[in-house]
Amino acid sequence: MKINDIASLIESLSERDLSILESLRTHRALTTVLIRRLHFPIGGEPREAGNGKVHATEMAAAVATIRVLTRLESHRLITRLHRRIGGVRAGSSGIVWQLGASGERLLRARHGDPARRRYSEPSPGFIAHTLAAADLAIRLYELARRSEIELLRLEAEPECWRTFLSPHGARQWLKPDLFAVTATREYEHHLFIEADNATEHAPVIVRKALQYERYANSGIHQQEHGLFPSVVWVVPDQKRQTAIRAALAAEPRLQNLAAVGVFHVVTAEDFPHLIAEGPENMPTP
């Protein structure tokens, strides 16, 4: 695609079209339903600037969503993955989308980014985890739209990753799924968020928690912001919640962070409540 072709294509796209492409660039993969929730508001839902009209019903929004996505697909701006979430019976709502070749080149030109990203068919586990993290991000946007919180900052992978030096001078990485800064009433909350699909054993979770402990000891975030973020694992059910809480509580090297209420484990159902009420009002392990 030539530069003139890219410029012409950008001019032919609406603000919502470009917002959809940017969302896929940020979150790497989204289902039709997640795109609908993010860009096709229903009557009664506040509307983002440039997101077009508010649709009267969820069905009308769903029809509009698939119409727009099909048009973007025809220009190779986006592409659907072979695997659907929920199988064939899920219909169009189960389609998983990622940037297509033209969409990737268009956004690189728009951002002045020379580094080409290769989009291939990801593994089922990768897609499941990516979509879980994207769902949590979109829940934050929805809470902000309803004015239940102010969403001051939201970073997805890899933007939310942090690098720091170990006590021995070795470079280390902390890789949360999301980083968010929210505000409720007079309080500002910094949060590292982990989307947990109950696919990893407890020792893996503990090792990740210990990496947060090492990052906290580096003092980098505290020096810039005067606090260390809450670390929130969002899990599918109460059984998983109990298991992770027990694993974190049993690790003696985590007691300093646990004592000040850094770690939180909540179900996906309770996640909006934690965000709206603030982590300090939720029980810790």
C-alpha atoms as a PDB file:
ATOM      1  CA  MET A   1       0.000   0.000   0.000  1.00  0.00           C
ATOM      2  CA  LYS A   2       1.475   3.329  -1.096  1.00  0.00           C
ATOM      3  CA  ILE A   3       1.578   6.449   1.075  1.00  0.00           C
ATOM      4  CA  ASN A   4      -1.014   8.171  -1.128  1.00  0.00           C
ATOM      5  CA  ASP A   5      -3.279   5.130  -0.834  1.00  0.00           C
ATOM      6  CA  ILE A   6      -2.942   5.176   2.960  1.00  0.00           C
ATOM      7  CA  ALA A   7      -3.751   8.895   3.137  1.00  0.00           C
ATOM      8  CA  SER A   8      -6.775   8.395   0.898  1.00  0.00           C
ATOM      9  CA  LEU A   9      -7.984   5.442   2.969  1.00  0.00           C
ATOM     10  CA  ILE A  10      -7.600   7.358   6.240  1.00  0.00           C
ATOM     11  CA  GLU A  11      -9.706  10.185   4.827  1.00  0.00           C
ATOM     12  CA  SER A  12     -12.432   7.703   3.843  1.00  0.00           C
ATOM     13  CA  LEU A  13     -12.726   6.306   7.374  1.00  0.00           C
ATOM     14  CA  SER A  14     -14.945   7.728  10.091  1.00  0.00           C
ATOM     15  CA  GLU A  15     -13.721   8.573  13.572  1.00  0.00           C
ATOM     16  CA  ARG A  16     -15.399   5.404  14.817  1.00  0.00           C
ATOM     17  CA  ASP A  17     -13.673   3.318  12.129  1.00  0.00           C
ATOM     18  CA  LEU A  18     -10.293   4.662  13.241  1.00  0.00           C
ATOM     19  CA  SER A  19     -11.210   4.156  16.902  1.00  0.00           C
ATOM     20  CA  ILE A  20     -11.978   0.485  16.207  1.00  0.00           C
ATOM     21  CA  LEU A  21      -8.603   0.041  14.513  1.00  0.00           C
ATOM     22  CA  GLU A  22      -6.847   1.768  17.397  1.00  0.00           C
ATOM     23  CA  SER A  23      -8.647  -0.509  19.873  1.00  0.00           C
ATOM     24  CA  LEU A  24      -7.414  -3.584  18.016  1.00  0.00           C
ATOM     25  CA  ARG A  25      -3.902  -2.135  18.012  1.00  0.00           C
ATOM     26  CA  THR A  26      -4.111  -1.588  21.774  1.00  0.00           C
ATOM     27  CA  HIS A  27      -5.758  -4.850  22.820  1.00  0.00           C
ATOM     28  CA  ARG A  28      -4.429  -7.083  20.000  1.00  0.00           C
ATOM     29  CA  ALA A  29      -7.695  -9.005  19.645  1.00  0.00           C
ATOM     30  CA  LEU A  30     -11.368  -8.283  20.362  1.00  0.00           C
ATOM     31  CA  THR A  31     -14.611 -10.157  19.848  1.00  0.00           C
ATOM     32  CA  THR A  32     -17.562  -8.605  18.046  1.00  0.00           C
ATOM     33  CA  VAL A  33     -19.289  -8.194  21.413  1.00  0.00           C
ATOM     34  CA  LEU A  34     -16.337  -6.357  22.966  1.00  0.00           C
ATOM     35  CA  ILE A  35     -16.174  -4.008  19.979  1.00  0.00           C
ATOM     36  CA  ARG A  36     -19.914  -3.411  20.302  1.00  0.00           C
ATOM     37  CA  ARG A  37     -19.589  -2.532  23.976  1.00  0.00           C
ATOM     38  CA  LEU A  38     -16.719  -0.186  23.297  1.00  0.00           C
ATOM     39  CA  HIS A  39     -17.872   1.636  20.165  1.00  0.00           C
ATOM     40  CA  PHE A  40     -21.628   1.133  19.618  1.00  0.00           C
ATOM     41  CA  PRO A  41     -23.504   2.527  22.640  1.00  0.00           C
ATOM     42  CA  ILE A  42     -27.129   1.628  23.301  1.00  0.00           C
ATOM     43  CA  GLY A  43     -29.792   4.143  24.303  1.00  0.00           C
ATOM     44  CA  GLY A  44     -29.141   5.285  27.863  1.00  0.00           C
ATOM     45  CA  GLU A  45     -25.391   4.700  27.606  1.00  0.00           C
ATOM     46  CA  PRO A  46     -23.282   7.856  27.382  1.00  0.00           C
ATOM     47  CA  ARG A  47     -21.591   8.202  23.996  1.00  0.00           C
ATOM     48  CA  GLU A  48     -17.917   8.703  23.294  1.00  0.00           C
ATOM     49  CA  ALA A  49     -17.031  11.556  20.967  1.00  0.00           C
ATOM     50  CA  GLY A  50     -16.926  10.386  17.352  1.00  0.00           C
ATOM     51  CA  ASN A  51     -18.700   7.122  18.060  1.00  0.00           C
ATOM     52  CA  GLY A  52     -21.741   7.913  15.940  1.00  0.00           C
ATOM     53  CA  LYS A  53     -25.337   7.600  17.009  1.00  0.00           C
ATOM     54  CA  VAL A  54     -26.683   5.844  20.061  1.00  0.00           C
ATOM     55  CA  HIS A  55     -28.595   2.697  19.088  1.00  0.00           C
ATOM     56  CA  ALA A  56     -32.065   2.034  20.414  1.00  0.00           C
ATOM     57  CA  THR A  57     -31.528  -1.632  21.283  1.00  0.00           C
ATOM     58  CA  GLU A  58     -28.736  -4.125  21.726  1.00  0.00           C
ATOM     59  CA  MET A  59     -29.904  -5.889  18.553  1.00  0.00           C
ATOM     60  CA  ALA A  60     -29.646  -2.665  16.537  1.00  0.00           C
ATOM     61  CA  ALA A  61     -26.170  -2.046  17.939  1.00  0.00           C
ATOM     62  CA  ALA A  62     -25.115  -5.620  17.122  1.00  0.00           C
ATOM     63  CA  VAL A  63     -26.343  -5.316  13.509  1.00  0.00           C
ATOM     64  CA  ALA A  64     -24.518  -2.002  13.093  1.00  0.00           C
ATOM     65  CA  THR A  65     -21.364  -3.486  14.586  1.00  0.00           C
ATOM     66  CA  ILE A  66     -21.162  -6.443  12.207  1.00  0.00           C
ATOM     67  CA  ARG A  67     -21.986  -4.173   9.242  1.00  0.00           C
ATOM     68  CA  VAL A  68     -19.079  -1.845  10.062  1.00  0.00           C
ATOM     69  CA  LEU A  69     -16.688  -4.730  10.807  1.00  0.00           C
ATOM     70  CA  THR A  70     -17.559  -6.439   7.513  1.00  0.00           C
ATOM     71  CA  ARG A  71     -16.809  -3.215   5.639  1.00  0.00           C
ATOM     72  CA  LEU A  72     -13.451  -2.811   7.407  1.00  0.00           C
ATOM     73  CA  GLU A  73     -12.696  -6.462   6.660  1.00  0.00           C
ATOM     74  CA  SER A  74     -13.380  -5.924   2.946  1.00  0.00           C
ATOM     75  CA  HIS A  75     -10.548  -3.362   2.892  1.00  0.00           C
ATOM     76  CA  ARG A  76      -8.225  -5.818   4.725  1.00  0.00           C
ATOM     77  CA  LEU A  77      -8.076  -3.374   7.609  1.00  0.00           C
ATOM     78  CA  ILE A  78      -9.152  -6.100  10.019  1.00  0.00           C
ATOM     79  CA  THR A  79      -9.291  -9.867   9.805  1.00  0.00           C
ATOM     80  CA  ARG A  80     -11.177 -12.562  11.678  1.00  0.00           C
ATOM     81  CA  LEU A  81      -9.466 -15.476  13.376  1.00  0.00           C
ATOM     82  CA  HIS A  82     -10.432 -19.018  12.438  1.00  0.00           C
ATOM     83  CA  ARG A  83     -11.373 -19.938  16.004  1.00  0.00           C
ATOM     84  CA  ARG A  84     -14.594 -18.474  17.432  1.00  0.00           C
ATOM     85  CA  ILE A  85     -15.324 -17.936  21.092  1.00  0.00           C
ATOM     86  CA  GLY A  86     -18.255 -20.180  21.965  1.00  0.00           C
ATOM     87  CA  GLY A  87     -17.999 -22.161  18.722  1.00  0.00           C
ATOM     88  CA  VAL A  88     -20.176 -21.892  15.642  1.00  0.00           C
ATOM     89  CA  ARG A  89     -23.351 -21.500  17.705  1.00  0.00           C
ATOM     90  CA  ALA A  90     -22.080 -18.151  18.996  1.00  0.00           C
ATOM     91  CA  GLY A  91     -22.623 -16.695  15.529  1.00  0.00           C
ATOM     92  CA  SER A  92     -21.129 -13.307  14.689  1.00  0.00           C
ATOM     93  CA  SER A  93     -20.862 -12.402  18.383  1.00  0.00           C
ATOM     94  CA  GLY A  94     -18.171 -15.068  18.810  1.00  0.00           C
ATOM     95  CA  ILE A  95     -15.930 -13.849  15.986  1.00  0.00           C
ATOM     96  CA  VAL A  96     -12.494 -12.728  17.152  1.00  0.00           C
ATOM     97  CA  TRP A  97     -10.936  -9.833  15.216  1.00  0.00           C
ATOM     98  CA  GLN A  98      -7.414  -8.510  14.895  1.00  0.00           C
ATOM     99  CA  LEU A  99      -5.745  -5.967  12.641  1.00  0.00           C
ATOM    100  CA  GLY A 100      -5.345  -6.969   9.011  1.00  0.00           C
ATOM    101  CA  ALA A 101      -2.353  -6.211   6.809  1.00  0.00           C
ATOM    102  CA  SER A 102      -3.749  -2.904   5.543  1.00  0.00           C
ATOM    103  CA  GLY A 103      -4.876  -1.843   9.001  1.00  0.00           C
ATOM    104  CA  GLU A 104      -1.450  -2.537  10.461  1.00  0.00           C
ATOM    105  CA  ARG A 105       0.260  -0.469   7.729  1.00  0.00           C
ATOM    106  CA  LEU A 106      -2.278   2.326   8.056  1.00  0.00           C
ATOM    107  CA  LEU A 107      -1.744   2.667  11.813  1.00  0.00           C
ATOM    108  CA  ARG A 108       2.024   2.489  11.449  1.00  0.00           C
ATOM    109  CA  ALA A 109       1.813   5.396   9.011  1.00  0.00           C
ATOM    110  CA  ARG A 110      -0.572   7.271  11.289  1.00  0.00           C
ATOM    111  CA  HIS A 111       1.717   6.867  14.315  1.00  0.00           C
ATOM    112  CA  GLY A 112       4.996   7.212  12.452  1.00  0.00           C
ATOM    113  CA  ASP A 113       5.999   3.762  13.689  1.00  0.00           C
ATOM    114  CA  PRO A 114       8.591   2.029  11.457  1.00  0.00           C
ATOM    115  CA  ALA A 115       8.421  -1.279  13.347  1.00  0.00           C
ATOM    116  CA  ARG A 116       6.204  -3.768  11.577  1.00  0.00           C
ATOM    117  CA  ARG A 117       4.025  -6.014  13.697  1.00  0.00           C
ATOM    118  CA  ARG A 118       3.316  -9.488  12.412  1.00  0.00           C
ATOM    119  CA  TYR A 119      -0.198 -10.750  13.085  1.00  0.00           C
ATOM    120  CA  SER A 120      -0.553 -14.526  12.899  1.00  0.00           C
ATOM    121  CA  GLU A 121      -3.140 -16.945  14.253  1.00  0.00           C
ATOM    122  CA  PRO A 122      -2.505 -16.936  18.037  1.00  0.00           C
ATOM    123  CA  SER A 123      -2.891 -19.987  20.251  1.00  0.00           C
ATOM    124  CA  PRO A 124      -6.256 -20.565  21.976  1.00  0.00           C
ATOM    125  CA  GLY A 125      -4.697 -19.891  25.391  1.00  0.00           C
ATOM    126  CA  PHE A 126      -3.203 -16.605  24.244  1.00  0.00           C
ATOM    127  CA  ILE A 127      -6.514 -15.464  22.759  1.00  0.00           C
ATOM    128  CA  ALA A 128      -8.468 -16.433  25.893  1.00  0.00           C
ATOM    129  CA  HIS A 129      -6.114 -14.445  28.105  1.00  0.00           C
ATOM    130  CA  THR A 130      -5.973 -11.463  25.722  1.00  0.00           C
ATOM    131  CA  LEU A 131      -9.769 -11.280  25.569  1.00  0.00           C
ATOM    132  CA  ALA A 132     -10.065 -11.567  29.365  1.00  0.00           C
ATOM    133  CA  ALA A 133      -7.736  -8.594  29.800  1.00  0.00           C
ATOM    134  CA  ALA A 134      -9.583  -6.627  27.104  1.00  0.00           C
ATOM    135  CA  ASP A 135     -12.907  -7.321  28.828  1.00  0.00           C
ATOM    136  CA  LEU A 136     -11.558  -5.823  32.065  1.00  0.00           C
ATOM    137  CA  ALA A 137     -10.291  -2.767  30.203  1.00  0.00           C
ATOM    138  CA  ILE A 138     -13.681  -2.253  28.599  1.00  0.00           C
ATOM    139  CA  ARG A 139     -15.378  -2.597  31.990  1.00  0.00           C
ATOM    140  CA  LEU A 140     -13.231   0.334  33.144  1.00  0.00           C
ATOM    141  CA  TYR A 141     -14.340   2.374  30.128  1.00  0.00           C
ATOM    142  CA  GLU A 142     -17.972   1.496  30.870  1.00  0.00           C
ATOM    143  CA  LEU A 143     -17.653   2.562  34.513  1.00  0.00           C
ATOM    144  CA  ALA A 144     -16.171   5.855  33.345  1.00  0.00           C
ATOM    145  CA  ARG A 145     -18.984   6.389  30.833  1.00  0.00           C
ATOM    146  CA  ARG A 146     -21.517   5.937  33.618  1.00  0.00           C
ATOM    147  CA  SER A 147     -19.556   8.482  35.715  1.00  0.00           C
ATOM    148  CA  GLU A 148     -18.964   5.902  38.460  1.00  0.00           C
ATOM    149  CA  ILE A 149     -15.226   6.593  38.212  1.00  0.00           C
ATOM    150  CA  GLU A 150     -12.838   8.881  36.409  1.00  0.00           C
ATOM    151  CA  LEU A 151     -10.480   6.876  34.241  1.00  0.00           C
ATOM    152  CA  LEU A 152      -7.335   8.984  34.278  1.00  0.00           C
ATOM    153  CA  ARG A 153      -5.011   6.471  32.632  1.00  0.00           C
ATOM    154  CA  LEU A 154      -5.235   3.005  31.133  1.00  0.00           C
ATOM    155  CA  GLU A 155      -2.360   1.012  29.664  1.00  0.00           C
ATOM    156  CA  ALA A 156      -2.547  -2.435  28.073  1.00  0.00           C
ATOM    157  CA  GLU A 157       0.348  -4.749  27.235  1.00  0.00           C
ATOM    158  CA  PRO A 158       3.140  -4.044  26.440  1.00  0.00           C
ATOM    159  CA  GLU A 159       2.753  -0.369  27.373  1.00  0.00           C
ATOM    160  CA  CYS A 160       1.934  -1.310  30.975  1.00  0.00           C
ATOM    161  CA  TRP A 161       5.117  -3.350  31.441  1.00  0.00           C
ATOM    162  CA  ARG A 162       7.715  -1.935  33.813  1.00  0.00           C
ATOM    163  CA  THR A 163      11.469  -2.445  33.891  1.00  0.00           C
ATOM    164  CA  PHE A 164      13.673  -2.107  36.960  1.00  0.00           C
ATOM    165  CA  LEU A 165      17.028  -3.151  38.332  1.00  0.00           C
ATOM    166  CA  SER A 166      17.469  -5.946  40.845  1.00  0.00           C
ATOM    167  CA  PRO A 167      19.670  -5.348  43.935  1.00  0.00           C
ATOM    168  CA  HIS A 168      22.507  -6.936  41.906  1.00  0.00           C
ATOM    169  CA  GLY A 169      22.018  -4.535  38.987  1.00  0.00           C
ATOM    170  CA  ALA A 170      20.339  -6.985  36.604  1.00  0.00           C
ATOM    171  CA  ARG A 171      17.502  -5.671  34.455  1.00  0.00           C
ATOM    172  CA  GLN A 172      14.131  -7.229  35.271  1.00  0.00           C
ATOM    173  CA  TRP A 173      10.647  -6.897  33.825  1.00  0.00           C
ATOM    174  CA  LEU A 174       7.260  -6.688  35.503  1.00  0.00           C
ATOM    175  CA  LYS A 175       4.512  -7.656  33.065  1.00  0.00           C
ATOM    176  CA  PRO A 176       0.987  -6.924  34.336  1.00  0.00           C
ATOM    177  CA  ASP A 177      -1.975  -7.268  31.991  1.00  0.00           C
ATOM    178  CA  LEU A 178      -3.224  -3.717  32.614  1.00  0.00           C
ATOM    179  CA  PHE A 179      -2.244  -0.601  34.508  1.00  0.00           C
ATOM    180  CA  ALA A 180      -4.951   1.894  35.436  1.00  0.00           C
ATOM    181  CA  VAL A 181      -5.263   5.113  37.366  1.00  0.00           C
ATOM    182  CA  THR A 182      -8.817   5.844  38.475  1.00  0.00           C
ATOM    183  CA  ALA A 183     -10.393   8.462  40.686  1.00  0.00           C
ATOM    184  CA  THR A 184     -13.454   8.129  42.916  1.00  0.00           C
ATOM    185  CA  ARG A 185     -14.555  11.086  44.997  1.00  0.00           C
ATOM    186  CA  GLU A 186     -11.400  12.549  46.563  1.00  0.00           C
ATOM    187  CA  TYR A 187      -9.255   9.425  46.082  1.00  0.00           C
ATOM    188  CA  GLU A 188      -6.925   8.451  43.228  1.00  0.00           C
ATOM    189  CA  HIS A 189      -6.182   4.744  42.780  1.00  0.00           C
ATOM    190  CA  HIS A 190      -3.241   3.160  40.958  1.00  0.00           C
ATOM    191  CA  LEU A 191      -3.838  -0.448  39.943  1.00  0.00           C
ATOM    192  CA  PHE A 192      -1.893  -3.256  38.325  1.00  0.00           C
ATOM    193  CA  ILE A 193      -4.489  -5.709  37.035  1.00  0.00           C
ATOM    194  CA  GLU A 194      -4.018  -9.419  36.314  1.00  0.00           C
ATOM    195  CA  ALA A 195      -6.644 -11.287  34.295  1.00  0.00           C
ATOM    196  CA  ASP A 196      -6.713 -14.835  35.643  1.00  0.00           C
ATOM    197  CA  ASN A 197      -8.430 -17.637  33.711  1.00  0.00           C
ATOM    198  CA  ALA A 198      -7.619 -20.328  36.311  1.00  0.00           C
ATOM    199  CA  THR A 199      -5.118 -21.915  33.930  1.00  0.00           C
ATOM    200  CA  GLU A 200      -1.966 -21.405  36.013  1.00  0.00           C
ATOM    201  CA  HIS A 201      -0.952 -23.264  39.167  1.00  0.00           C
ATOM    202  CA  ALA A 202      -0.681 -21.393  42.466  1.00  0.00           C
ATOM    203  CA  PRO A 203       3.162 -21.352  42.462  1.00  0.00           C
ATOM    204  CA  VAL A 204       3.079 -19.377  39.190  1.00  0.00           C
ATOM    205  CA  ILE A 205       0.830 -16.780  40.820  1.00  0.00           C
ATOM    206  CA  VAL A 206       3.150 -16.579  43.826  1.00  0.00           C
ATOM    207  CA  ARG A 207       6.165 -16.056  41.559  1.00  0.00           C
ATOM    208  CA  LYS A 208       4.354 -13.187  39.857  1.00  0.00           C
ATOM    209  CA  ALA A 209       3.494 -11.696  43.253  1.00  0.00           C
ATOM    210  CA  LEU A 210       7.151 -11.918  44.261  1.00  0.00           C
ATOM    211  CA  GLN A 211       8.053  -9.981  41.116  1.00  0.00           C
ATOM    212  CA  TYR A 212       5.666  -7.256  42.281  1.00  0.00           C
ATOM    213  CA  GLU A 213       7.431  -7.363  45.645  1.00  0.00           C
ATOM    214  CA  ARG A 214      10.798  -6.862  43.951  1.00  0.00           C
ATOM    215  CA  TYR A 215       9.402  -3.999  41.866  1.00  0.00           C
ATOM    216  CA  ALA A 216       8.014  -2.377  45.024  1.00  0.00           C
ATOM    217  CA  ASN A 217      11.415  -2.675  46.683  1.00  0.00           C
ATOM    218  CA  SER A 218      13.006  -0.816  43.750  1.00  0.00           C
ATOM    219  CA  GLY A 219      10.972   2.254  44.763  1.00  0.00           C
ATOM    220  CA  ILE A 220      10.546   3.462  41.165  1.00  0.00           C
ATOM    221  CA  HIS A 221       6.784   3.945  41.236  1.00  0.00           C
ATOM    222  CA  GLN A 222       6.826   5.414  44.741  1.00  0.00           C
ATOM    223  CA  GLN A 223       9.440   7.995  43.751  1.00  0.00           C
ATOM    224  CA  GLU A 224       7.297   9.231  40.862  1.00  0.00           C
ATOM    225  CA  HIS A 225       3.832   8.960  42.397  1.00  0.00           C
ATOM    226  CA  GLY A 226       4.286   8.768  46.174  1.00  0.00           C
ATOM    227  CA  LEU A 227       2.551   5.383  46.430  1.00  0.00           C
ATOM    228  CA  PHE A 228       2.706   1.801  45.211  1.00  0.00           C
ATOM    229  CA  PRO A 229      -0.245   0.478  43.164  1.00  0.00           C
ATOM    230  CA  SER A 230      -2.732  -2.078  44.346  1.00  0.00           C
ATOM    231  CA  VAL A 231      -2.284  -5.420  42.590  1.00  0.00           C
ATOM    232  CA  VAL A 232      -5.604  -6.975  41.604  1.00  0.00           C
ATOM    233  CA  TRP A 233      -6.087 -10.533  40.374  1.00  0.00           C
ATOM    234  CA  VAL A 234      -9.478 -10.915  38.684  1.00  0.00           C
ATOM    235  CA  VAL A 235     -10.571 -14.553  38.795  1.00  0.00           C
ATOM    236  CA  PRO A 236     -13.545 -16.475  37.353  1.00  0.00           C
ATOM    237  CA  ASP A 237     -15.119 -17.763  40.575  1.00  0.00           C
ATOM    238  CA  GLN A 238     -14.936 -17.934  44.375  1.00  0.00           C
ATOM    239  CA  LYS A 239     -13.137 -21.297  44.373  1.00  0.00           C
ATOM    240  CA  ARG A 240     -10.257 -19.777  42.432  1.00  0.00           C
ATOM    241  CA  GLN A 241     -10.392 -16.670  44.613  1.00  0.00           C
ATOM    242  CA  THR A 242      -9.976 -18.769  47.762  1.00  0.00           C
ATOM    243  CA  ALA A 243      -7.076 -20.761  46.266  1.00  0.00           C
ATOM    244  CA  ILE A 244      -5.095 -17.687  45.204  1.00  0.00           C
ATOM    245  CA  ARG A 245      -5.722 -15.858  48.467  1.00  0.00           C
ATOM    246  CA  ALA A 246      -4.454 -18.878  50.389  1.00  0.00           C
ATOM    247  CA  ALA A 247      -1.345 -19.168  48.198  1.00  0.00           C
ATOM    248  CA  LEU A 248      -0.457 -15.491  48.644  1.00  0.00           C
ATOM    249  CA  ALA A 249      -1.084 -15.591  52.390  1.00  0.00           C
ATOM    250  CA  ALA A 250       1.142 -18.668  52.794  1.00  0.00           C
ATOM    251  CA  GLU A 251       4.217 -17.062  51.212  1.00  0.00           C
ATOM    252  CA  PRO A 252       6.281 -15.391  53.984  1.00  0.00           C
ATOM    253  CA  ARG A 253       8.232 -13.213  51.516  1.00  0.00           C
ATOM    254  CA  LEU A 254       5.003 -11.410  50.615  1.00  0.00           C
ATOM    255  CA  GLN A 255       4.019 -10.446  54.137  1.00  0.00           C
ATOM    256  CA  ASN A 256       5.291  -6.848  53.897  1.00  0.00           C
ATOM    257  CA  LEU A 257       3.097  -6.034  50.896  1.00  0.00           C
ATOM    258  CA  ALA A 258       0.201  -8.075  52.261  1.00  0.00           C
ATOM    259  CA  ALA A 259       0.355  -6.169  55.556  1.00  0.00           C
ATOM    260  CA  VAL A 260      -0.290  -2.850  53.793  1.00  0.00           C
ATOM    261  CA  GLY A 261      -3.121  -4.246  51.673  1.00  0.00           C
ATOM    262  CA  VAL A 262      -1.430  -4.243  48.268  1.00  0.00           C
ATOM    263  CA  PHE A 263      -2.802  -7.580  47.023  1.00  0.00           C
ATOM    264  CA  HIS A 264      -6.464  -8.094  46.122  1.00  0.00           C
ATOM    265  CA  VAL A 265      -8.187 -11.111  44.598  1.00  0.00           C
ATOM    266  CA  VAL A 266     -11.721 -10.537  43.286  1.00  0.00           C
ATOM    267  CA  THR A 267     -14.104 -12.404  41.046  1.00  0.00           C
ATOM    268  CA  ALA A 268     -14.952 -10.941  37.656  1.00  0.00           C
ATOM    269  CA  GLU A 269     -18.438 -10.277  39.030  1.00  0.00           C
ATOM    270  CA  ASP A 270     -17.045  -8.168  41.889  1.00  0.00           C
ATOM    271  CA  PHE A 271     -14.419  -6.348  39.816  1.00  0.00           C
ATOM    272  CA  PRO A 272     -16.627  -3.301  38.993  1.00  0.00           C
ATOM    273  CA  HIS A 273     -17.494  -2.971  42.691  1.00  0.00           C
ATOM    274  CA  LEU A 274     -13.818  -2.949  43.673  1.00  0.00           C
ATOM    275  CA  ILE A 275     -13.062  -0.278  41.076  1.00  0.00           C
ATOM    276  CA  ALA A 276     -16.030   1.895  41.983  1.00  0.00           C
ATOM    277  CA  GLU A 277     -15.593   1.598  45.763  1.00  0.00           C
ATOM    278  CA  GLY A 278     -11.787   1.605  45.803  1.00  0.00           C
ATOM    279  CA  PRO A 279      -9.472  -1.288  46.740  1.00  0.00           C
ATOM    280  CA  GLU A 280      -9.078   0.008  50.296  1.00  0.00           C
ATOM    281  CA  ASN A 281     -12.725  -0.869  50.940  1.00  0.00           C
ATOM    282  CA  MET A 282     -12.346  -4.482  49.805  1.00  0.00           C
ATOM    283  CA  PRO A 283     -10.975  -7.404  51.851  1.00  0.00           C
ATOM    284  CA  THR A 284      -7.381  -8.461  51.187  1.00  0.00           C
ATOM    285  CA  PRO A 285      -5.824 -11.951  51.401  1.00  0.00           C
END
